[in-house]
Amino acid sequence: MASAIAMLAAMLYASAAFAHPQSVTDKSLAPGNLPVTWYQAPLAFSESLSTDTTCGWAVSTGQLNTTRCYVLRTYALGLQQDAQHECNLKVWNTVSDCSGDGGWTMHAIPSGRSMSCVETGVLDGGNFQHKSAMLTCV
């Protein structure tokens, strides 16, 4: 009986300690990750960025980190938006190492809770079409 009372007292103490909301002091996403889904399909994008949830046929999922360069091998990618942060996806044309000043396109990924589809245009798995991308968030 005494151990049951001690266990109940410990549970009440623990629930009281965690019942108050904890403040979050650092909401930084840099460096951070955004969930990504890679798509393959010749889609009819009206622009290079779409918020349509049908980006094509999903072939893989993962995370894009804000500190890495990614070689693009699919026709499109879907980035899950972050509720507190706006992001940009810089896509380089003709290079697979995120280098060069002239041949790139910047895609704004707004803050929110939906997905942004970005058309990369890579239809051959990256064999002859060389493109790369880097994510930045603020």
C-alpha atoms as a PDB file:
ATOM      1  CA  MET A   1       0.000   0.000   0.000  1.00  0.00           C
ATOM      2  CA  ALA A   2       2.809   2.379   0.869  1.00  0.00           C
ATOM      3  CA  SER A   3       4.561   1.711  -2.469  1.00  0.00           C
ATOM      4  CA  ALA A   4       1.317   2.390  -4.359  1.00  0.00           C
ATOM      5  CA  ILE A   5       0.950   5.734  -2.586  1.00  0.00           C
ATOM      6  CA  ALA A   6       4.599   6.600  -3.292  1.00  0.00           C
ATOM      7  CA  MET A   7       4.118   5.694  -6.989  1.00  0.00           C
ATOM      8  CA  LEU A   8       0.956   7.806  -7.197  1.00  0.00           C
ATOM      9  CA  ALA A   9       2.742  10.754  -5.568  1.00  0.00           C
ATOM     10  CA  ALA A  10       5.632  10.428  -8.046  1.00  0.00           C
ATOM     11  CA  MET A  11       3.215  10.352 -11.006  1.00  0.00           C
ATOM     12  CA  LEU A  12       1.369  13.437  -9.737  1.00  0.00           C
ATOM     13  CA  TYR A  13       4.665  15.292  -9.245  1.00  0.00           C
ATOM     14  CA  ALA A  14       5.826  14.367 -12.764  1.00  0.00           C
ATOM     15  CA  SER A  15       2.534  15.400 -14.361  1.00  0.00           C
ATOM     16  CA  ALA A  16       2.611  18.751 -12.529  1.00  0.00           C
ATOM     17  CA  ALA A  17       6.189  19.380 -13.651  1.00  0.00           C
ATOM     18  CA  PHE A  18       5.385  18.788 -17.331  1.00  0.00           C
ATOM     19  CA  ALA A  19       1.911  20.357 -17.388  1.00  0.00           C
ATOM     20  CA  HIS A  20       3.219  23.888 -17.909  1.00  0.00           C
ATOM     21  CA  PRO A  21       4.162  24.874 -21.452  1.00  0.00           C
ATOM     22  CA  GLN A  22       7.875  25.031 -22.103  1.00  0.00           C
ATOM     23  CA  SER A  23       9.194  28.139 -23.863  1.00  0.00           C
ATOM     24  CA  VAL A  24      11.146  27.642 -27.054  1.00  0.00           C
ATOM     25  CA  THR A  25      13.984  30.128 -27.242  1.00  0.00           C
ATOM     26  CA  ASP A  26      15.623  29.062 -30.510  1.00  0.00           C
ATOM     27  CA  LYS A  27      13.395  28.492 -33.536  1.00  0.00           C
ATOM     28  CA  SER A  28      16.285  28.591 -35.973  1.00  0.00           C
ATOM     29  CA  LEU A  29      16.216  26.225 -38.924  1.00  0.00           C
ATOM     30  CA  ALA A  30      19.749  26.983 -40.051  1.00  0.00           C
ATOM     31  CA  PRO A  31      21.145  24.405 -40.269  1.00  0.00           C
ATOM     32  CA  GLY A  32      18.026  22.329 -40.436  1.00  0.00           C
ATOM     33  CA  ASN A  33      16.084  19.834 -42.458  1.00  0.00           C
ATOM     34  CA  LEU A  34      12.957  19.903 -44.558  1.00  0.00           C
ATOM     35  CA  PRO A  35      11.197  16.689 -45.534  1.00  0.00           C
ATOM     36  CA  VAL A  36      11.432  16.061 -49.285  1.00  0.00           C
ATOM     37  CA  THR A  37       9.750  13.691 -51.716  1.00  0.00           C
ATOM     38  CA  TRP A  38      11.406  13.052 -55.068  1.00  0.00           C
ATOM     39  CA  TYR A  39       9.056  12.715 -58.063  1.00  0.00           C
ATOM     40  CA  GLN A  40       9.421  11.429 -61.585  1.00  0.00           C
ATOM     41  CA  ALA A  41       6.888  12.158 -64.331  1.00  0.00           C
ATOM     42  CA  PRO A  42       6.597  14.561 -67.240  1.00  0.00           C
ATOM     43  CA  LEU A  43       4.190  16.931 -65.542  1.00  0.00           C
ATOM     44  CA  ALA A  44       2.598  20.032 -66.944  1.00  0.00           C
ATOM     45  CA  PHE A  45       3.895  22.707 -64.539  1.00  0.00           C
ATOM     46  CA  SER A  46       2.497  26.133 -65.360  1.00  0.00           C
ATOM     47  CA  GLU A  47       5.470  27.612 -63.479  1.00  0.00           C
ATOM     48  CA  SER A  48       8.611  26.039 -62.071  1.00  0.00           C
ATOM     49  CA  LEU A  49       7.064  26.159 -58.557  1.00  0.00           C
ATOM     50  CA  SER A  50       3.642  24.775 -57.688  1.00  0.00           C
ATOM     51  CA  THR A  51       1.687  24.199 -54.484  1.00  0.00           C
ATOM     52  CA  ASP A  52      -0.300  21.417 -56.138  1.00  0.00           C
ATOM     53  CA  THR A  53      -0.058  18.230 -54.097  1.00  0.00           C
ATOM     54  CA  THR A  54       0.298  16.049 -57.203  1.00  0.00           C
ATOM     55  CA  CYS A  55       3.915  16.536 -58.218  1.00  0.00           C
ATOM     56  CA  GLY A  56       4.051  13.237 -60.110  1.00  0.00           C
ATOM     57  CA  TRP A  57       4.961   9.697 -59.124  1.00  0.00           C
ATOM     58  CA  ALA A  58       6.803   9.559 -55.805  1.00  0.00           C
ATOM     59  CA  VAL A  59      10.030   7.576 -56.158  1.00  0.00           C
ATOM     60  CA  SER A  60      11.804   8.390 -52.875  1.00  0.00           C
ATOM     61  CA  THR A  61      11.566  10.388 -49.647  1.00  0.00           C
ATOM     62  CA  GLY A  62      14.114  11.906 -47.312  1.00  0.00           C
ATOM     63  CA  GLN A  63      15.375  15.175 -45.858  1.00  0.00           C
ATOM     64  CA  LEU A  64      17.079  18.192 -47.425  1.00  0.00           C
ATOM     65  CA  ASN A  65      19.641  19.700 -45.076  1.00  0.00           C
ATOM     66  CA  THR A  66      20.517  23.394 -45.264  1.00  0.00           C
ATOM     67  CA  THR A  67      24.254  22.665 -45.186  1.00  0.00           C
ATOM     68  CA  ARG A  68      24.553  20.317 -48.184  1.00  0.00           C
ATOM     69  CA  CYS A  69      24.582  20.409 -51.960  1.00  0.00           C
ATOM     70  CA  TYR A  70      22.311  17.858 -53.647  1.00  0.00           C
ATOM     71  CA  VAL A  71      22.672  16.356 -57.119  1.00  0.00           C
ATOM     72  CA  LEU A  72      19.254  16.365 -58.776  1.00  0.00           C
ATOM     73  CA  ARG A  73      18.205  13.140 -60.484  1.00  0.00           C
ATOM     74  CA  THR A  74      14.405  13.436 -60.735  1.00  0.00           C
ATOM     75  CA  TYR A  75      11.972  15.617 -62.664  1.00  0.00           C
ATOM     76  CA  ALA A  76      10.513  17.302 -59.568  1.00  0.00           C
ATOM     77  CA  LEU A  77      10.765  17.451 -55.804  1.00  0.00           C
ATOM     78  CA  GLY A  78       8.202  18.288 -53.167  1.00  0.00           C
ATOM     79  CA  LEU A  79       9.405  20.211 -50.108  1.00  0.00           C
ATOM     80  CA  GLN A  80       7.288  20.189 -46.971  1.00  0.00           C
ATOM     81  CA  GLN A  81       6.972  23.809 -45.889  1.00  0.00           C
ATOM     82  CA  ASP A  82       8.031  24.874 -42.397  1.00  0.00           C
ATOM     83  CA  ALA A  83       5.448  26.793 -40.353  1.00  0.00           C
ATOM     84  CA  GLN A  84       7.927  29.374 -38.974  1.00  0.00           C
ATOM     85  CA  HIS A  85      10.514  29.703 -41.727  1.00  0.00           C
ATOM     86  CA  GLU A  86      10.678  30.806 -45.335  1.00  0.00           C
ATOM     87  CA  CYS A  87      13.179  28.908 -47.447  1.00  0.00           C
ATOM     88  CA  ASN A  88      14.838  29.164 -50.840  1.00  0.00           C
ATOM     89  CA  LEU A  89      15.948  26.356 -53.098  1.00  0.00           C
ATOM     90  CA  LYS A  90      18.745  27.445 -55.437  1.00  0.00           C
ATOM     91  CA  VAL A  91      18.982  25.143 -58.469  1.00  0.00           C
ATOM     92  CA  TRP A  92      22.120  25.209 -60.630  1.00  0.00           C
ATOM     93  CA  ASN A  93      21.853  24.242 -64.297  1.00  0.00           C
ATOM     94  CA  THR A  94      24.573  22.209 -66.039  1.00  0.00           C
ATOM     95  CA  VAL A  95      26.586  21.515 -62.844  1.00  0.00           C
ATOM     96  CA  SER A  96      26.247  18.855 -60.175  1.00  0.00           C
ATOM     97  CA  ASP A  97      28.300  20.559 -57.446  1.00  0.00           C
ATOM     98  CA  CYS A  98      26.339  23.772 -56.663  1.00  0.00           C
ATOM     99  CA  SER A  99      28.977  26.005 -58.255  1.00  0.00           C
ATOM    100  CA  GLY A 100      28.899  28.826 -60.745  1.00  0.00           C
ATOM    101  CA  ASP A 101      27.359  32.246 -60.714  1.00  0.00           C
ATOM    102  CA  GLY A 102      25.437  32.472 -63.968  1.00  0.00           C
ATOM    103  CA  GLY A 103      23.334  29.386 -64.495  1.00  0.00           C
ATOM    104  CA  TRP A 104      20.967  29.043 -61.561  1.00  0.00           C
ATOM    105  CA  THR A 105      17.338  29.623 -60.569  1.00  0.00           C
ATOM    106  CA  MET A 106      16.055  30.569 -57.114  1.00  0.00           C
ATOM    107  CA  HIS A 107      12.754  29.042 -55.955  1.00  0.00           C
ATOM    108  CA  ALA A 108      11.037  30.644 -52.946  1.00  0.00           C
ATOM    109  CA  ILE A 109       9.479  28.128 -50.541  1.00  0.00           C
ATOM    110  CA  PRO A 110       6.982  30.051 -48.390  1.00  0.00           C
ATOM    111  CA  SER A 111       6.361  29.294 -44.737  1.00  0.00           C
ATOM    112  CA  GLY A 112       3.288  27.184 -44.152  1.00  0.00           C
ATOM    113  CA  ARG A 113       2.025  23.682 -43.651  1.00  0.00           C
ATOM    114  CA  SER A 114       1.618  22.401 -47.196  1.00  0.00           C
ATOM    115  CA  MET A 115       4.063  21.186 -49.826  1.00  0.00           C
ATOM    116  CA  SER A 116       5.809  23.154 -52.562  1.00  0.00           C
ATOM    117  CA  CYS A 117       6.583  21.276 -55.778  1.00  0.00           C
ATOM    118  CA  VAL A 118       9.684  22.368 -57.674  1.00  0.00           C
ATOM    119  CA  GLU A 119      10.240  21.297 -61.269  1.00  0.00           C
ATOM    120  CA  THR A 120      13.888  20.419 -61.847  1.00  0.00           C
ATOM    121  CA  GLY A 121      13.517  19.233 -65.429  1.00  0.00           C
ATOM    122  CA  VAL A 122      15.897  16.278 -65.003  1.00  0.00           C
ATOM    123  CA  LEU A 123      14.352  13.438 -67.018  1.00  0.00           C
ATOM    124  CA  ASP A 124      17.355  11.128 -67.462  1.00  0.00           C
ATOM    125  CA  GLY A 125      18.295  10.443 -63.836  1.00  0.00           C
ATOM    126  CA  GLY A 126      21.172  12.919 -64.022  1.00  0.00           C
ATOM    127  CA  ASN A 127      23.154  10.978 -66.655  1.00  0.00           C
ATOM    128  CA  PHE A 128      23.439  13.852 -69.142  1.00  0.00           C
ATOM    129  CA  GLN A 129      21.302  16.573 -67.547  1.00  0.00           C
ATOM    130  CA  HIS A 130      23.439  17.910 -64.694  1.00  0.00           C
ATOM    131  CA  LYS A 131      21.691  19.965 -62.043  1.00  0.00           C
ATOM    132  CA  SER A 132      22.243  20.520 -58.339  1.00  0.00           C
ATOM    133  CA  ALA A 133      20.449  22.328 -55.515  1.00  0.00           C
ATOM    134  CA  MET A 134      21.029  23.880 -52.108  1.00  0.00           C
ATOM    135  CA  LEU A 135      18.402  24.818 -49.505  1.00  0.00           C
ATOM    136  CA  THR A 136      18.595  27.919 -47.304  1.00  0.00           C
ATOM    137  CA  CYS A 137      16.031  28.950 -44.683  1.00  0.00           C
ATOM    138  CA  VAL A 138      15.500  32.074 -42.573  1.00  0.00           C
END
